[in-house]
mmCIF file of all heavy atoms, coordinates in Angstrom:
data_MODEL
# 
_entry.id   MODEL 
# 
loop_
_atom_site.group_PDB 
_atom_site.id 
_atom_site.type_symbol 
_atom_site.label_atom_id 
_atom_site.label_alt_id 
_atom_site.label_comp_id 
_atom_site.label_asym_id 
_atom_site.label_entity_id 
_atom_site.label_seq_id 
_atom_site.pdbx_PDB_ins_code 
_atom_site.Cartn_x 
_atom_site.Cartn_y 
_atom_site.Cartn_z 
_atom_site.occupancy 
_atom_site.B_iso_or_equiv 
_atom_site.pdbx_formal_charge 
_atom_site.auth_seq_id 
_atom_site.auth_comp_id 
_atom_site.auth_asym_id 
_atom_site.auth_atom_id 
_atom_site.pdbx_PDB_model_num 
ATOM 1   N N   . LEU A 1 1  ? 256.777 215.711 70.271 1.00 0.00 ? 1  LEU A N   1 
ATOM 2   C CA  . LEU A 1 1  ? 257.178 214.642 69.355 1.00 0.00 ? 1  LEU A CA  1 
ATOM 3   C C   . LEU A 1 1  ? 256.366 213.406 69.728 1.00 0.00 ? 1  LEU A C   1 
ATOM 4   O O   . LEU A 1 1  ? 256.589 212.803 70.780 1.00 0.00 ? 1  LEU A O   1 
ATOM 5   C CB  . LEU A 1 1  ? 258.679 214.347 69.453 1.00 0.00 ? 1  LEU A CB  1 
ATOM 6   C CG  . LEU A 1 1  ? 259.190 213.335 68.428 1.00 0.00 ? 1  LEU A CG  1 
ATOM 7   C CD1 . LEU A 1 1  ? 259.120 213.926 67.010 1.00 0.00 ? 1  LEU A CD1 1 
ATOM 8   C CD2 . LEU A 1 1  ? 260.631 212.915 68.748 1.00 0.00 ? 1  LEU A CD2 1 
ATOM 9   N N   . GLN A 1 2  ? 255.395 213.089 68.897 1.00 0.00 ? 2  GLN A N   1 
ATOM 10  C CA  . GLN A 1 2  ? 254.608 211.872 69.077 1.00 0.00 ? 2  GLN A CA  1 
ATOM 11  C C   . GLN A 1 2  ? 255.352 210.733 68.400 1.00 0.00 ? 2  GLN A C   1 
ATOM 12  O O   . GLN A 1 2  ? 255.634 210.789 67.198 1.00 0.00 ? 2  GLN A O   1 
ATOM 13  C CB  . GLN A 1 2  ? 253.222 212.033 68.461 1.00 0.00 ? 2  GLN A CB  1 
ATOM 14  C CG  . GLN A 1 2  ? 252.360 210.785 68.544 1.00 0.00 ? 2  GLN A CG  1 
ATOM 15  C CD  . GLN A 1 2  ? 251.960 210.435 69.966 1.00 0.00 ? 2  GLN A CD  1 
ATOM 16  O OE1 . GLN A 1 2  ? 251.601 211.314 70.746 1.00 0.00 ? 2  GLN A OE1 1 
ATOM 17  N NE2 . GLN A 1 2  ? 252.035 209.157 70.308 1.00 0.00 ? 2  GLN A NE2 1 
ATOM 18  N N   . MET A 1 3  ? 255.677 209.715 69.174 1.00 0.00 ? 3  MET A N   1 
ATOM 19  C CA  . MET A 1 3  ? 256.451 208.590 68.672 1.00 0.00 ? 3  MET A CA  1 
ATOM 20  C C   . MET A 1 3  ? 255.604 207.329 68.747 1.00 0.00 ? 3  MET A C   1 
ATOM 21  O O   . MET A 1 3  ? 255.227 206.907 69.847 1.00 0.00 ? 3  MET A O   1 
ATOM 22  C CB  . MET A 1 3  ? 257.732 208.422 69.491 1.00 0.00 ? 3  MET A CB  1 
ATOM 23  C CG  . MET A 1 3  ? 258.570 209.694 69.575 1.00 0.00 ? 3  MET A CG  1 
ATOM 24  S SD  . MET A 1 3  ? 260.166 209.431 70.354 1.00 0.00 ? 3  MET A SD  1 
ATOM 25  C CE  . MET A 1 3  ? 259.632 208.966 71.992 1.00 0.00 ? 3  MET A CE  1 
ATOM 26  N N   . ASN A 1 4  ? 255.287 206.769 67.605 1.00 0.00 ? 4  ASN A N   1 
ATOM 27  C CA  . ASN A 1 4  ? 254.497 205.547 67.522 1.00 0.00 ? 4  ASN A CA  1 
ATOM 28  C C   . ASN A 1 4  ? 255.334 204.413 66.941 1.00 0.00 ? 4  ASN A C   1 
ATOM 29  O O   . ASN A 1 4  ? 256.377 204.641 66.330 1.00 0.00 ? 4  ASN A O   1 
ATOM 30  C CB  . ASN A 1 4  ? 253.268 205.776 66.641 1.00 0.00 ? 4  ASN A CB  1 
ATOM 31  C CG  . ASN A 1 4  ? 252.337 206.818 67.191 1.00 0.00 ? 4  ASN A CG  1 
ATOM 32  O OD1 . ASN A 1 4  ? 252.216 206.998 68.407 1.00 0.00 ? 4  ASN A OD1 1 
ATOM 33  N ND2 . ASN A 1 4  ? 251.663 207.515 66.302 1.00 0.00 ? 4  ASN A ND2 1 
ATOM 34  N N   . ASN A 1 5  ? 254.863 203.193 67.133 1.00 0.00 ? 5  ASN A N   1 
ATOM 35  C CA  . ASN A 1 5  ? 255.554 202.016 66.610 1.00 0.00 ? 5  ASN A CA  1 
ATOM 36  C C   . ASN A 1 5  ? 257.050 202.070 66.960 1.00 0.00 ? 5  ASN A C   1 
ATOM 37  O O   . ASN A 1 5  ? 257.916 201.894 66.099 1.00 0.00 ? 5  ASN A O   1 
ATOM 38  C CB  . ASN A 1 5  ? 255.366 201.907 65.100 1.00 0.00 ? 5  ASN A CB  1 
ATOM 39  C CG  . ASN A 1 5  ? 255.825 200.576 64.546 1.00 0.00 ? 5  ASN A CG  1 
ATOM 40  O OD1 . ASN A 1 5  ? 255.947 199.592 65.277 1.00 0.00 ? 5  ASN A OD1 1 
ATOM 41  N ND2 . ASN A 1 5  ? 256.112 200.540 63.256 1.00 0.00 ? 5  ASN A ND2 1 
ATOM 42  N N   . LEU A 1 6  ? 257.313 202.297 68.216 1.00 0.00 ? 6  LEU A N   1 
ATOM 43  C CA  . LEU A 1 6  ? 258.700 202.442 68.665 1.00 0.00 ? 6  LEU A CA  1 
ATOM 44  C C   . LEU A 1 6  ? 259.488 201.159 68.443 1.00 0.00 ? 6  LEU A C   1 
ATOM 45  O O   . LEU A 1 6  ? 258.951 200.041 68.547 1.00 0.00 ? 6  LEU A O   1 
ATOM 46  C CB  . LEU A 1 6  ? 258.731 202.838 70.134 1.00 0.00 ? 6  LEU A CB  1 
ATOM 47  C CG  . LEU A 1 6  ? 258.398 204.311 70.401 1.00 0.00 ? 6  LEU A CG  1 
ATOM 48  C CD1 . LEU A 1 6  ? 258.022 204.522 71.855 1.00 0.00 ? 6  LEU A CD1 1 
ATOM 49  C CD2 . LEU A 1 6  ? 259.588 205.184 70.024 1.00 0.00 ? 6  LEU A CD2 1 
ATOM 50  N N   . LYS A 1 7  ? 260.781 201.337 68.163 1.00 0.00 ? 7  LYS A N   1 
ATOM 51  C CA  . LYS A 1 7  ? 261.693 200.230 67.931 1.00 0.00 ? 7  LYS A CA  1 
ATOM 52  C C   . LYS A 1 7  ? 262.856 200.329 68.926 1.00 0.00 ? 7  LYS A C   1 
ATOM 53  O O   . LYS A 1 7  ? 263.172 201.428 69.390 1.00 0.00 ? 7  LYS A O   1 
ATOM 54  C CB  . LYS A 1 7  ? 262.234 200.288 66.508 1.00 0.00 ? 7  LYS A CB  1 
ATOM 55  C CG  . LYS A 1 7  ? 261.161 200.251 65.426 1.00 0.00 ? 7  LYS A CG  1 
ATOM 56  C CD  . LYS A 1 7  ? 261.770 200.374 64.046 1.00 0.00 ? 7  LYS A CD  1 
ATOM 57  C CE  . LYS A 1 7  ? 260.694 200.319 62.969 1.00 0.00 ? 7  LYS A CE  1 
ATOM 58  N NZ  . LYS A 1 7  ? 261.269 200.416 61.604 1.00 0.00 ? 7  LYS A NZ  1 
ATOM 59  N N   . PRO A 1 8  ? 263.512 199.223 69.219 1.00 0.00 ? 8  PRO A N   1 
ATOM 60  C CA  . PRO A 1 8  ? 264.659 199.275 70.145 1.00 0.00 ? 8  PRO A CA  1 
ATOM 61  C C   . PRO A 1 8  ? 265.718 200.288 69.700 1.00 0.00 ? 8  PRO A C   1 
ATOM 62  O O   . PRO A 1 8  ? 266.353 200.915 70.555 1.00 0.00 ? 8  PRO A O   1 
ATOM 63  C CB  . PRO A 1 8  ? 265.191 197.844 70.111 1.00 0.00 ? 8  PRO A CB  1 
ATOM 64  C CG  . PRO A 1 8  ? 263.979 197.008 69.817 1.00 0.00 ? 8  PRO A CG  1 
ATOM 65  C CD  . PRO A 1 8  ? 263.164 197.829 68.866 1.00 0.00 ? 8  PRO A CD  1 
ATOM 66  N N   . GLU A 1 9  ? 265.886 200.465 68.416 1.00 0.00 ? 9  GLU A N   1 
ATOM 67  C CA  . GLU A 1 9  ? 266.894 201.412 67.927 1.00 0.00 ? 9  GLU A CA  1 
ATOM 68  C C   . GLU A 1 9  ? 266.500 202.876 68.144 1.00 0.00 ? 9  GLU A C   1 
ATOM 69  O O   . GLU A 1 9  ? 267.298 203.772 67.885 1.00 0.00 ? 9  GLU A O   1 
ATOM 70  C CB  . GLU A 1 9  ? 267.205 201.179 66.440 1.00 0.00 ? 9  GLU A CB  1 
ATOM 71  C CG  . GLU A 1 9  ? 265.986 201.115 65.545 1.00 0.00 ? 9  GLU A CG  1 
ATOM 72  C CD  . GLU A 1 9  ? 265.530 199.692 65.271 1.00 0.00 ? 9  GLU A CD  1 
ATOM 73  O OE1 . GLU A 1 9  ? 265.518 198.865 66.220 1.00 0.00 ? 9  GLU A OE1 1 
ATOM 74  O OE2 . GLU A 1 9  ? 265.167 199.410 64.108 1.00 0.00 ? 9  GLU A OE2 1 
ATOM 75  N N   . ASP A 1 10 ? 265.279 203.119 68.630 1.00 0.00 ? 10 ASP A N   1 
ATOM 76  C CA  . ASP A 1 10 ? 264.881 204.480 69.007 1.00 0.00 ? 10 ASP A CA  1 
ATOM 77  C C   . ASP A 1 10 ? 265.370 204.843 70.408 1.00 0.00 ? 10 ASP A C   1 
ATOM 78  O O   . ASP A 1 10 ? 265.230 205.990 70.834 1.00 0.00 ? 10 ASP A O   1 
ATOM 79  C CB  . ASP A 1 10 ? 263.359 204.629 68.956 1.00 0.00 ? 10 ASP A CB  1 
ATOM 80  C CG  . ASP A 1 10 ? 262.792 204.471 67.560 1.00 0.00 ? 10 ASP A CG  1 
ATOM 81  O OD1 . ASP A 1 10 ? 263.416 204.988 66.605 1.00 0.00 ? 10 ASP A OD1 1 
ATOM 82  O OD2 . ASP A 1 10 ? 261.736 203.826 67.420 1.00 0.00 ? 10 ASP A OD2 1 
ATOM 83  N N   . THR A 1 11 ? 265.923 203.886 71.117 1.00 0.00 ? 11 THR A N   1 
ATOM 84  C CA  . THR A 1 11 ? 266.433 204.141 72.459 1.00 0.00 ? 11 THR A CA  1 
ATOM 85  C C   . THR A 1 11 ? 267.532 205.185 72.421 1.00 0.00 ? 11 THR A C   1 
ATOM 86  O O   . THR A 1 11 ? 268.526 205.029 71.701 1.00 0.00 ? 11 THR A O   1 
ATOM 87  C CB  . THR A 1 11 ? 266.970 202.836 73.081 1.00 0.00 ? 11 THR A CB  1 
ATOM 88  O OG1 . THR A 1 11 ? 265.881 201.923 73.248 1.00 0.00 ? 11 THR A OG1 1 
ATOM 89  C CG2 . THR A 1 11 ? 267.637 203.106 74.422 1.00 0.00 ? 11 THR A CG2 1 
ATOM 90  N N   . ALA A 1 12 ? 267.324 206.281 73.164 1.00 0.00 ? 12 ALA A N   1 
ATOM 91  C CA  . ALA A 1 12 ? 268.281 207.387 73.162 1.00 0.00 ? 12 ALA A CA  1 
ATOM 92  C C   . ALA A 1 12 ? 267.814 208.448 74.146 1.00 0.00 ? 12 ALA A C   1 
ATOM 93  O O   . ALA A 1 12 ? 266.697 208.390 74.654 1.00 0.00 ? 12 ALA A O   1 
ATOM 94  C CB  . ALA A 1 12 ? 268.380 207.992 71.757 1.00 0.00 ? 12 ALA A CB  1 
ATOM 95  N N   . LEU A 1 13 ? 268.692 209.405 74.357 1.00 0.00 ? 13 LEU A N   1 
ATOM 96  C CA  . LEU A 1 13 ? 268.334 210.617 75.095 1.00 0.00 ? 13 LEU A CA  1 
ATOM 97  C C   . LEU A 1 13 ? 267.867 211.632 74.060 1.00 0.00 ? 13 LEU A C   1 
ATOM 98  O O   . LEU A 1 13 ? 268.600 211.906 73.101 1.00 0.00 ? 13 LEU A O   1 
ATOM 99  C CB  . LEU A 1 13 ? 269.544 211.123 75.872 1.00 0.00 ? 13 LEU A CB  1 
ATOM 100 C CG  . LEU A 1 13 ? 269.347 212.195 76.927 1.00 0.00 ? 13 LEU A CG  1 
ATOM 101 C CD1 . LEU A 1 13 ? 268.337 211.765 77.972 1.00 0.00 ? 13 LEU A CD1 1 
ATOM 102 C CD2 . LEU A 1 13 ? 270.684 212.517 77.589 1.00 0.00 ? 13 LEU A CD2 1 
ATOM 103 N N   . TYR A 1 14 ? 266.655 212.140 74.222 1.00 0.00 ? 14 TYR A N   1 
ATOM 104 C CA  . TYR A 1 14 ? 266.058 213.026 73.243 1.00 0.00 ? 14 TYR A CA  1 
ATOM 105 C C   . TYR A 1 14 ? 266.117 214.477 73.719 1.00 0.00 ? 14 TYR A C   1 
ATOM 106 O O   . TYR A 1 14 ? 265.800 214.782 74.877 1.00 0.00 ? 14 TYR A O   1 
ATOM 107 C CB  . TYR A 1 14 ? 264.604 212.629 72.979 1.00 0.00 ? 14 TYR A CB  1 
ATOM 108 C CG  . TYR A 1 14 ? 264.472 211.419 72.089 1.00 0.00 ? 14 TYR A CG  1 
ATOM 109 C CD1 . TYR A 1 14 ? 264.822 210.155 72.552 1.00 0.00 ? 14 TYR A CD1 1 
ATOM 110 C CD2 . TYR A 1 14 ? 264.028 211.529 70.778 1.00 0.00 ? 14 TYR A CD2 1 
ATOM 111 C CE1 . TYR A 1 14 ? 264.734 209.038 71.729 1.00 0.00 ? 14 TYR A CE1 1 
ATOM 112 C CE2 . TYR A 1 14 ? 263.924 210.421 69.953 1.00 0.00 ? 14 TYR A CE2 1 
ATOM 113 C CZ  . TYR A 1 14 ? 264.278 209.185 70.441 1.00 0.00 ? 14 TYR A CZ  1 
ATOM 114 O OH  . TYR A 1 14 ? 264.179 208.064 69.618 1.00 0.00 ? 14 TYR A OH  1 
ATOM 115 N N   . TYR A 1 15 ? 266.486 215.361 72.795 1.00 0.00 ? 15 TYR A N   1 
ATOM 116 C CA  . TYR A 1 15 ? 266.618 216.786 73.070 1.00 0.00 ? 15 TYR A CA  1 
ATOM 117 C C   . TYR A 1 15 ? 265.849 217.590 72.027 1.00 0.00 ? 15 TYR A C   1 
ATOM 118 O O   . TYR A 1 15 ? 265.624 217.128 70.908 1.00 0.00 ? 15 TYR A O   1 
ATOM 119 C CB  . TYR A 1 15 ? 268.084 217.228 72.960 1.00 0.00 ? 15 TYR A CB  1 
ATOM 120 C CG  . TYR A 1 15 ? 269.072 216.516 73.824 1.00 0.00 ? 15 TYR A CG  1 
ATOM 121 C CD1 . TYR A 1 15 ? 269.686 215.346 73.398 1.00 0.00 ? 15 TYR A CD1 1 
ATOM 122 C CD2 . TYR A 1 15 ? 269.438 217.042 75.060 1.00 0.00 ? 15 TYR A CD2 1 
ATOM 123 C CE1 . TYR A 1 15 ? 270.632 214.700 74.195 1.00 0.00 ? 15 TYR A CE1 1 
ATOM 124 C CE2 . TYR A 1 15 ? 270.391 216.412 75.852 1.00 0.00 ? 15 TYR A CE2 1 
ATOM 125 C CZ  . TYR A 1 15 ? 270.975 215.247 75.406 1.00 0.00 ? 15 TYR A CZ  1 
ATOM 126 O OH  . TYR A 1 15 ? 271.906 214.620 76.196 1.00 0.00 ? 15 TYR A OH  1 
ATOM 127 N N   . CYS A 1 16 ? 265.515 218.822 72.400 1.00 0.00 ? 16 CYS A N   1 
ATOM 128 C CA  . CYS A 1 16 ? 264.985 219.764 71.422 1.00 0.00 ? 16 CYS A CA  1 
ATOM 129 C C   . CYS A 1 16 ? 265.916 220.979 71.373 1.00 0.00 ? 16 CYS A C   1 
ATOM 130 O O   . CYS A 1 16 ? 266.648 221.255 72.332 1.00 0.00 ? 16 CYS A O   1 
ATOM 131 C CB  . CYS A 1 16 ? 263.576 220.197 71.775 1.00 0.00 ? 16 CYS A CB  1 
ATOM 132 S SG  . CYS A 1 16 ? 263.441 221.062 73.345 1.00 0.00 ? 16 CYS A SG  1 
ATOM 133 N N   . ASN A 1 17 ? 265.882 221.688 70.248 1.00 0.00 ? 17 ASN A N   1 
ATOM 134 C CA  . ASN A 1 17 ? 266.659 222.909 70.130 1.00 0.00 ? 17 ASN A CA  1 
ATOM 135 C C   . ASN A 1 17 ? 266.315 223.593 68.817 1.00 0.00 ? 17 ASN A C   1 
ATOM 136 O O   . ASN A 1 17 ? 265.672 223.007 67.933 1.00 0.00 ? 17 ASN A O   1 
ATOM 137 C CB  . ASN A 1 17 ? 268.166 222.629 70.186 1.00 0.00 ? 17 ASN A CB  1 
ATOM 138 C CG  . ASN A 1 17 ? 268.934 223.766 70.854 1.00 0.00 ? 17 ASN A CG  1 
ATOM 139 O OD1 . ASN A 1 17 ? 268.571 224.932 70.737 1.00 0.00 ? 17 ASN A OD1 1 
ATOM 140 N ND2 . ASN A 1 17 ? 269.988 223.426 71.572 1.00 0.00 ? 17 ASN A ND2 1 
ATOM 141 N N   . SER A 1 18 ? 266.744 224.826 68.699 1.00 0.00 ? 18 SER A N   1 
ATOM 142 C CA  . SER A 1 18 ? 266.608 225.553 67.448 1.00 0.00 ? 18 SER A CA  1 
ATOM 143 C C   . SER A 1 18 ? 267.712 225.092 66.506 1.00 0.00 ? 18 SER A C   1 
ATOM 144 O O   . SER A 1 18 ? 268.889 225.124 66.874 1.00 0.00 ? 18 SER A O   1 
ATOM 145 C CB  . SER A 1 18 ? 266.739 227.056 67.709 1.00 0.00 ? 18 SER A CB  1 
ATOM 146 O OG  . SER A 1 18 ? 266.900 227.737 66.490 1.00 0.00 ? 18 SER A OG  1 
ATOM 147 N N   . PRO A 1 19 ? 267.391 224.690 65.295 1.00 0.00 ? 19 PRO A N   1 
ATOM 148 C CA  . PRO A 1 19 ? 268.429 224.198 64.392 1.00 0.00 ? 19 PRO A CA  1 
ATOM 149 C C   . PRO A 1 19 ? 269.308 225.304 63.818 1.00 0.00 ? 19 PRO A C   1 
ATOM 150 O O   . PRO A 1 19 ? 270.459 225.050 63.434 1.00 0.00 ? 19 PRO A O   1 
ATOM 151 C CB  . PRO A 1 19 ? 267.648 223.486 63.285 1.00 0.00 ? 19 PRO A CB  1 
ATOM 152 C CG  . PRO A 1 19 ? 266.304 224.129 63.308 1.00 0.00 ? 19 PRO A CG  1 
ATOM 153 C CD  . PRO A 1 19 ? 266.040 224.503 64.737 1.00 0.00 ? 19 PRO A CD  1 
ATOM 154 N N   . SER A 1 20 ? 268.797 226.509 63.737 1.00 0.00 ? 20 SER A N   1 
ATOM 155 C CA  . SER A 1 20 ? 269.561 227.575 63.083 1.00 0.00 ? 20 SER A CA  1 
ATOM 156 C C   . SER A 1 20 ? 270.499 228.279 64.050 1.00 0.00 ? 20 SER A C   1 
ATOM 157 O O   . SER A 1 20 ? 271.653 228.552 63.717 1.00 0.00 ? 20 SER A O   1 
ATOM 158 C CB  . SER A 1 20 ? 268.600 228.582 62.458 1.00 0.00 ? 20 SER A CB  1 
ATOM 159 O OG  . SER A 1 20 ? 267.716 229.087 63.439 1.00 0.00 ? 20 SER A OG  1 
ATOM 160 N N   . ARG A 1 21 ? 270.025 228.567 65.235 1.00 0.00 ? 21 ARG A N   1 
ATOM 161 C CA  . ARG A 1 21 ? 270.863 229.242 66.238 1.00 0.00 ? 21 ARG A CA  1 
ATOM 162 C C   . ARG A 1 21 ? 270.625 228.548 67.577 1.00 0.00 ? 21 ARG A C   1 
ATOM 163 O O   . ARG A 1 21 ? 269.856 229.025 68.399 1.00 0.00 ? 21 ARG A O   1 
ATOM 164 C CB  . ARG A 1 21 ? 270.522 230.721 66.324 1.00 0.00 ? 21 ARG A CB  1 
ATOM 165 C CG  . ARG A 1 21 ? 270.794 231.474 65.030 1.00 0.00 ? 21 ARG A CG  1 
ATOM 166 C CD  . ARG A 1 21 ? 270.433 232.934 65.144 1.00 0.00 ? 21 ARG A CD  1 
ATOM 167 N NE  . ARG A 1 21 ? 271.294 233.639 66.098 1.00 0.00 ? 21 ARG A NE  1 
ATOM 168 C CZ  . ARG A 1 21 ? 271.169 234.929 66.371 1.00 0.00 ? 21 ARG A CZ  1 
ATOM 169 N NH1 . ARG A 1 21 ? 270.220 235.643 65.776 1.00 0.00 ? 21 ARG A NH1 1 
ATOM 170 N NH2 . ARG A 1 21 ? 271.967 235.511 67.229 1.00 0.00 ? 21 ARG A NH2 1 
ATOM 171 N N   . PRO A 1 22 ? 271.280 227.395 67.787 1.00 0.00 ? 22 PRO A N   1 
ATOM 172 C CA  . PRO A 1 22 ? 270.993 226.589 68.984 1.00 0.00 ? 22 PRO A CA  1 
ATOM 173 C C   . PRO A 1 22 ? 271.260 227.333 70.284 1.00 0.00 ? 22 PRO A C   1 
ATOM 174 O O   . PRO A 1 22 ? 272.245 228.063 70.400 1.00 0.00 ? 22 PRO A O   1 
ATOM 175 C CB  . PRO A 1 22 ? 271.943 225.405 68.839 1.00 0.00 ? 22 PRO A CB  1 
ATOM 176 C CG  . PRO A 1 22 ? 272.257 225.346 67.386 1.00 0.00 ? 22 PRO A CG  1 
ATOM 177 C CD  . PRO A 1 22 ? 272.259 226.761 66.914 1.00 0.00 ? 22 PRO A CD  1 
ATOM 178 N N   . TRP A 1 23 ? 270.339 227.100 71.234 1.00 0.00 ? 23 TRP A N   1 
ATOM 179 C CA  . TRP A 1 23 ? 270.567 227.579 72.578 1.00 0.00 ? 23 TRP A CA  1 
ATOM 180 C C   . TRP A 1 23 ? 271.333 226.514 73.359 1.00 0.00 ? 23 TRP A C   1 
ATOM 181 O O   . TRP A 1 23 ? 271.647 225.454 72.808 1.00 0.00 ? 23 TRP A O   1 
ATOM 182 C CB  . TRP A 1 23 ? 269.206 227.828 73.255 1.00 0.00 ? 23 TRP A CB  1 
ATOM 183 C CG  . TRP A 1 23 ? 268.378 228.850 72.567 1.00 0.00 ? 23 TRP A CG  1 
ATOM 184 C CD1 . TRP A 1 23 ? 268.662 230.181 72.404 1.00 0.00 ? 23 TRP A CD1 1 
ATOM 185 C CD2 . TRP A 1 23 ? 267.103 228.655 71.931 1.00 0.00 ? 23 TRP A CD2 1 
ATOM 186 N NE1 . TRP A 1 23 ? 267.650 230.812 71.706 1.00 0.00 ? 23 TRP A NE1 1 
ATOM 187 C CE2 . TRP A 1 23 ? 266.677 229.898 71.416 1.00 0.00 ? 23 TRP A CE2 1 
ATOM 188 C CE3 . TRP A 1 23 ? 266.270 227.546 71.763 1.00 0.00 ? 23 TRP A CE3 1 
ATOM 189 C CZ2 . TRP A 1 23 ? 265.474 230.068 70.748 1.00 0.00 ? 23 TRP A CZ2 1 
ATOM 190 C CZ3 . TRP A 1 23 ? 265.067 227.693 71.086 1.00 0.00 ? 23 TRP A CZ3 1 
ATOM 191 C CH2 . TRP A 1 23 ? 264.675 228.942 70.588 1.00 0.00 ? 23 TRP A CH2 1 
ATOM 192 N N   . THR A 1 24 ? 271.609 226.818 74.628 1.00 0.00 ? 24 THR A N   1 
ATOM 193 C CA  . THR A 1 24 ? 272.237 225.797 75.481 1.00 0.00 ? 24 THR A CA  1 
ATOM 194 C C   . THR A 1 24 ? 271.309 224.584 75.564 1.00 0.00 ? 24 THR A C   1 
ATOM 195 O O   . THR A 1 24 ? 270.112 224.738 75.820 1.00 0.00 ? 24 THR A O   1 
ATOM 196 C CB  . THR A 1 24 ? 272.488 226.368 76.886 1.00 0.00 ? 24 THR A CB  1 
ATOM 197 O OG1 . THR A 1 24 ? 273.359 227.504 76.775 1.00 0.00 ? 24 THR A OG1 1 
ATOM 198 C CG2 . THR A 1 24 ? 273.114 225.318 77.786 1.00 0.00 ? 24 THR A CG2 1 
ATOM 199 N N   . TRP A 1 25 ? 271.868 223.412 75.379 1.00 0.00 ? 25 TRP A N   1 
ATOM 200 C CA  . TRP A 1 25 ? 271.072 222.200 75.377 1.00 0.00 ? 25 TRP A CA  1 
ATOM 201 C C   . TRP A 1 25 ? 270.467 221.936 76.747 1.00 0.00 ? 25 TRP A C   1 
ATOM 202 O O   . TRP A 1 25 ? 271.085 222.189 77.778 1.00 0.00 ? 25 TRP A O   1 
ATOM 203 C CB  . TRP A 1 25 ? 271.918 220.999 74.955 1.00 0.00 ? 25 TRP A CB  1 
ATOM 204 C CG  . TRP A 1 25 ? 272.356 221.081 73.529 1.00 0.00 ? 25 TRP A CG  1 
ATOM 205 C CD1 . TRP A 1 25 ? 273.493 221.665 73.060 1.00 0.00 ? 25 TRP A CD1 1 
ATOM 206 C CD2 . TRP A 1 25 ? 271.650 220.593 72.386 1.00 0.00 ? 25 TRP A CD2 1 
ATOM 207 N NE1 . TRP A 1 25 ? 273.542 221.570 71.688 1.00 0.00 ? 25 TRP A NE1 1 
ATOM 208 C CE2 . TRP A 1 25 ? 272.431 220.910 71.254 1.00 0.00 ? 25 TRP A CE2 1 
ATOM 209 C CE3 . TRP A 1 25 ? 270.461 219.902 72.197 1.00 0.00 ? 25 TRP A CE3 1 
ATOM 210 C CZ2 . TRP A 1 25 ? 272.034 220.578 69.950 1.00 0.00 ? 25 TRP A CZ2 1 
ATOM 211 C CZ3 . TRP A 1 25 ? 270.066 219.567 70.903 1.00 0.00 ? 25 TRP A CZ3 1 
ATOM 212 C CH2 . TRP A 1 25 ? 270.848 219.907 69.798 1.00 0.00 ? 25 TRP A CH2 1 
ATOM 213 N N   . GLY A 1 26 ? 269.260 221.396 76.760 1.00 0.00 ? 26 GLY A N   1 
ATOM 214 C CA  . GLY A 1 26 ? 268.623 221.008 78.005 1.00 0.00 ? 26 GLY A CA  1 
ATOM 215 C C   . GLY A 1 26 ? 269.128 219.661 78.482 1.00 0.00 ? 26 GLY A C   1 
ATOM 216 O O   . GLY A 1 26 ? 270.087 219.101 77.936 1.00 0.00 ? 26 GLY A O   1 
ATOM 217 N N   . GLN A 1 27 ? 268.461 219.135 79.499 1.00 0.00 ? 27 GLN A N   1 
ATOM 218 C CA  . GLN A 1 27 ? 268.871 217.854 80.085 1.00 0.00 ? 27 GLN A CA  1 
ATOM 219 C C   . GLN A 1 27 ? 268.472 216.667 79.225 1.00 0.00 ? 27 GLN A C   1 
ATOM 220 O O   . GLN A 1 27 ? 269.032 215.591 79.353 1.00 0.00 ? 27 GLN A O   1 
ATOM 221 C CB  . GLN A 1 27 ? 268.219 217.695 81.476 1.00 0.00 ? 27 GLN A CB  1 
ATOM 222 C CG  . GLN A 1 27 ? 268.546 218.785 82.450 1.00 0.00 ? 27 GLN A CG  1 
ATOM 223 C CD  . GLN A 1 27 ? 269.821 218.479 83.230 1.00 0.00 ? 27 GLN A CD  1 
ATOM 224 O OE1 . GLN A 1 27 ? 270.528 217.531 82.957 1.00 0.00 ? 27 GLN A OE1 1 
ATOM 225 N NE2 . GLN A 1 27 ? 270.107 219.311 84.206 1.00 0.00 ? 27 GLN A NE2 1 
# 
């Protein structure tokens, strides 16, 4: 995920996963 022109409201913990059949979430 390339994130450009970041804004303060982008502050968060970011995760990846399969949207259809999610696996256990990572850290």
